[in-house]
Amino acid sequence: MQVDSEQGAVNFKVAQDTEGTMSKFFMVSGILIFIALAFCFAGILQHTFFGRFVPSRPYDATFAVQLLNYTDWEAFGAHCCCLAETEDVEEKWVCDNNRSVNRLRVSDNV
C-alpha cells in the first residue's frame, strides 16, 4: 500500500517535469519557426519589389544577363563601375540603373 502511494507520487513528479520540458521545447520551436517564416516572407517581398536575381557566375546566365542587358562590353563599361575585388577572383560592378553584378575576373595570363 505504501509502495503504491510512493510510486504514484514519483509518477506524478515525472509526468509534471516531462510536461514542463515538453512545453518549453514546443514554445521555443514555435518561436523559431515563426522567425523562419518571417525571413521567408521577407525574401518573397524583397524579390517582388526589387526585381530578379542576377547570378554572379558566367555559367549561370546568358551574356545579356551577365552584362545587365547592355548590348556589349563597351556599353557595359561606359555605364558601370568596378567597385571591389575579392581575392583577385571576383569584381563587383555597379551600374547607372542601380543594378549590380559580381563577375569573375578574366586574366590575360591564363
C-alpha atoms as a PDB file:
ATOM      1  CA  MET A   1       0.000   0.000   0.000  1.00  0.00           C
ATOM      2  CA  GLN A   2       2.763   2.446   0.986  1.00  0.00           C
ATOM      3  CA  VAL A   3       4.789   1.482  -2.109  1.00  0.00           C
ATOM      4  CA  ASP A   4       1.798   2.250  -4.368  1.00  0.00           C
ATOM      5  CA  SER A   5       1.355   5.740  -2.939  1.00  0.00           C
ATOM      6  CA  GLU A   6       5.098   6.478  -3.229  1.00  0.00           C
ATOM      7  CA  GLN A   7       5.126   5.146  -6.797  1.00  0.00           C
ATOM      8  CA  GLY A   8       2.129   7.343  -7.609  1.00  0.00           C
ATOM      9  CA  ALA A   9       3.923  10.398  -6.203  1.00  0.00           C
ATOM     10  CA  VAL A  10       7.055   9.605  -8.251  1.00  0.00           C
ATOM     11  CA  ASN A  11       4.990   9.075 -11.408  1.00  0.00           C
ATOM     12  CA  PHE A  12       3.186  12.384 -10.807  1.00  0.00           C
ATOM     13  CA  LYS A  13       6.503  14.240 -10.380  1.00  0.00           C
ATOM     14  CA  VAL A  14       7.988  12.642 -13.525  1.00  0.00           C
ATOM     15  CA  ALA A  15       4.856  13.498 -15.517  1.00  0.00           C
ATOM     16  CA  GLN A  16       4.945  17.080 -14.228  1.00  0.00           C
ATOM     17  CA  ASP A  17       8.637  17.528 -15.149  1.00  0.00           C
ATOM     18  CA  THR A  18       8.103  15.968 -18.576  1.00  0.00           C
ATOM     19  CA  GLU A  19       5.130  18.238 -19.245  1.00  0.00           C
ATOM     20  CA  GLY A  20       7.206  21.323 -18.335  1.00  0.00           C
ATOM     21  CA  THR A  21      10.114  20.247 -20.520  1.00  0.00           C
ATOM     22  CA  MET A  22       7.851  19.471 -23.486  1.00  0.00           C
ATOM     23  CA  SER A  23       6.013  22.776 -23.095  1.00  0.00           C
ATOM     24  CA  LYS A  24       9.301  24.712 -23.168  1.00  0.00           C
ATOM     25  CA  PHE A  25      10.510  22.719 -26.175  1.00  0.00           C
ATOM     26  CA  PHE A  26       7.371  23.388 -28.224  1.00  0.00           C
ATOM     27  CA  MET A  27       7.313  27.072 -27.248  1.00  0.00           C
ATOM     28  CA  VAL A  28      10.918  27.588 -28.380  1.00  0.00           C
ATOM     29  CA  SER A  29      10.276  25.565 -31.550  1.00  0.00           C
ATOM     30  CA  GLY A  30       7.212  27.656 -32.334  1.00  0.00           C
ATOM     31  CA  ILE A  31       9.117  30.912 -31.893  1.00  0.00           C
ATOM     32  CA  LEU A  32      11.972  29.721 -34.125  1.00  0.00           C
ATOM     33  CA  ILE A  33       9.541  28.509 -36.798  1.00  0.00           C
ATOM     34  CA  PHE A  34       7.759  31.868 -36.694  1.00  0.00           C
ATOM     35  CA  ILE A  35      11.093  33.678 -37.183  1.00  0.00           C
ATOM     36  CA  ALA A  36      11.984  31.373 -40.101  1.00  0.00           C
ATOM     37  CA  LEU A  37       8.624  32.072 -41.747  1.00  0.00           C
ATOM     38  CA  ALA A  38       9.179  35.807 -41.271  1.00  0.00           C
ATOM     39  CA  PHE A  39      12.515  35.529 -43.108  1.00  0.00           C
ATOM     40  CA  CYS A  40      10.832  33.572 -45.912  1.00  0.00           C
ATOM     41  CA  PHE A  41       8.124  36.203 -46.227  1.00  0.00           C
ATOM     42  CA  ALA A  42      10.726  38.999 -46.231  1.00  0.00           C
ATOM     43  CA  GLY A  43      12.595  37.211 -49.032  1.00  0.00           C
ATOM     44  CA  ILE A  44       9.417  36.921 -51.080  1.00  0.00           C
ATOM     45  CA  LEU A  45       8.686  40.626 -50.604  1.00  0.00           C
ATOM     46  CA  GLN A  46      12.258  41.576 -51.468  1.00  0.00           C
ATOM     47  CA  HIS A  47      12.082  39.566 -54.682  1.00  0.00           C
ATOM     48  CA  THR A  48       8.688  41.069 -55.548  1.00  0.00           C
ATOM     49  CA  PHE A  49       9.695  44.696 -55.012  1.00  0.00           C
ATOM     50  CA  PHE A  50      13.336  44.705 -56.104  1.00  0.00           C
ATOM     51  CA  GLY A  51      13.348  42.529 -59.187  1.00  0.00           C
ATOM     52  CA  ARG A  52      15.018  39.376 -60.265  1.00  0.00           C
ATOM     53  CA  PHE A  53      18.201  37.769 -59.077  1.00  0.00           C
ATOM     54  CA  VAL A  54      21.281  38.352 -61.239  1.00  0.00           C
ATOM     55  CA  PRO A  55      23.673  35.419 -60.946  1.00  0.00           C
ATOM     56  CA  SER A  56      27.374  36.118 -60.469  1.00  0.00           C
ATOM     57  CA  ARG A  57      28.805  33.079 -62.234  1.00  0.00           C
ATOM     58  CA  PRO A  58      29.155  33.039 -66.034  1.00  0.00           C
ATOM     59  CA  TYR A  59      27.711  29.577 -66.375  1.00  0.00           C
ATOM     60  CA  ASP A  60      24.549  30.664 -64.543  1.00  0.00           C
ATOM     61  CA  ALA A  61      23.369  33.197 -67.093  1.00  0.00           C
ATOM     62  CA  THR A  62      23.394  34.294 -70.670  1.00  0.00           C
ATOM     63  CA  PHE A  63      25.722  37.015 -71.928  1.00  0.00           C
ATOM     64  CA  ALA A  64      22.925  39.638 -71.811  1.00  0.00           C
ATOM     65  CA  VAL A  65      22.190  38.886 -68.152  1.00  0.00           C
ATOM     66  CA  GLN A  66      25.896  38.979 -67.272  1.00  0.00           C
ATOM     67  CA  LEU A  67      26.110  42.466 -68.777  1.00  0.00           C
ATOM     68  CA  LEU A  68      22.812  43.554 -67.161  1.00  0.00           C
ATOM     69  CA  ASN A  69      21.111  43.831 -70.568  1.00  0.00           C
ATOM     70  CA  TYR A  70      23.695  46.197 -72.048  1.00  0.00           C
ATOM     71  CA  THR A  71      24.410  45.384 -75.696  1.00  0.00           C
ATOM     72  CA  ASP A  72      28.163  44.820 -75.439  1.00  0.00           C
ATOM     73  CA  TRP A  73      31.167  45.185 -73.152  1.00  0.00           C
ATOM     74  CA  GLU A  74      31.818  48.796 -74.225  1.00  0.00           C
ATOM     75  CA  ALA A  75      28.281  49.888 -73.304  1.00  0.00           C
ATOM     76  CA  PHE A  76      28.520  47.981 -70.032  1.00  0.00           C
ATOM     77  CA  GLY A  77      31.873  49.613 -69.218  1.00  0.00           C
ATOM     78  CA  ALA A  78      30.537  53.082 -70.066  1.00  0.00           C
ATOM     79  CA  HIS A  79      27.569  52.777 -67.667  1.00  0.00           C
ATOM     80  CA  CYS A  80      29.072  50.631 -64.915  1.00  0.00           C
ATOM     81  CA  CYS A  81      31.934  50.980 -62.462  1.00  0.00           C
ATOM     82  CA  CYS A  82      34.044  48.283 -60.814  1.00  0.00           C
ATOM     83  CA  LEU A  83      33.962  48.838 -57.049  1.00  0.00           C
ATOM     84  CA  ALA A  84      35.694  45.977 -55.317  1.00  0.00           C
ATOM     85  CA  GLU A  85      37.617  42.810 -55.798  1.00  0.00           C
ATOM     86  CA  THR A  86      37.556  39.724 -53.645  1.00  0.00           C
ATOM     87  CA  GLU A  87      40.900  37.910 -53.611  1.00  0.00           C
ATOM     88  CA  ASP A  88      41.525  38.730 -57.295  1.00  0.00           C
ATOM     89  CA  VAL A  89      38.727  36.381 -58.312  1.00  0.00           C
ATOM     90  CA  GLU A  90      35.537  38.474 -58.472  1.00  0.00           C
ATOM     91  CA  GLU A  91      34.738  42.071 -59.316  1.00  0.00           C
ATOM     92  CA  LYS A  92      31.614  43.917 -58.170  1.00  0.00           C
ATOM     93  CA  TRP A  93      30.176  46.146 -60.910  1.00  0.00           C
ATOM     94  CA  VAL A  94      27.555  48.806 -60.094  1.00  0.00           C
ATOM     95  CA  CYS A  95      25.694  50.465 -62.959  1.00  0.00           C
ATOM     96  CA  ASP A  96      23.802  53.732 -63.529  1.00  0.00           C
ATOM     97  CA  ASN A  97      20.456  51.945 -63.179  1.00  0.00           C
ATOM     98  CA  ASN A  98      21.323  50.885 -59.571  1.00  0.00           C
ATOM     99  CA  ARG A  99      21.814  47.262 -60.549  1.00  0.00           C
ATOM    100  CA  SER A 100      24.951  45.373 -59.669  1.00  0.00           C
ATOM    101  CA  VAL A 101      26.603  42.147 -60.695  1.00  0.00           C
ATOM    102  CA  ASN A 102      29.590  40.149 -59.485  1.00  0.00           C
ATOM    103  CA  ARG A 103      31.733  38.999 -62.378  1.00  0.00           C
ATOM    104  CA  LEU A 104      34.659  36.614 -62.445  1.00  0.00           C
ATOM    105  CA  ARG A 105      37.947  38.346 -63.155  1.00  0.00           C
ATOM    106  CA  VAL A 106      39.399  37.317 -66.517  1.00  0.00           C
ATOM    107  CA  SER A 107      43.157  37.268 -66.603  1.00  0.00           C
ATOM    108  CA  ASP A 108      45.223  37.659 -69.778  1.00  0.00           C
ATOM    109  CA  ASN A 109      47.863  35.339 -68.353  1.00  0.00           C
ATOM    110  CA  VAL A 110      45.624  32.259 -68.421  1.00  0.00           C
END
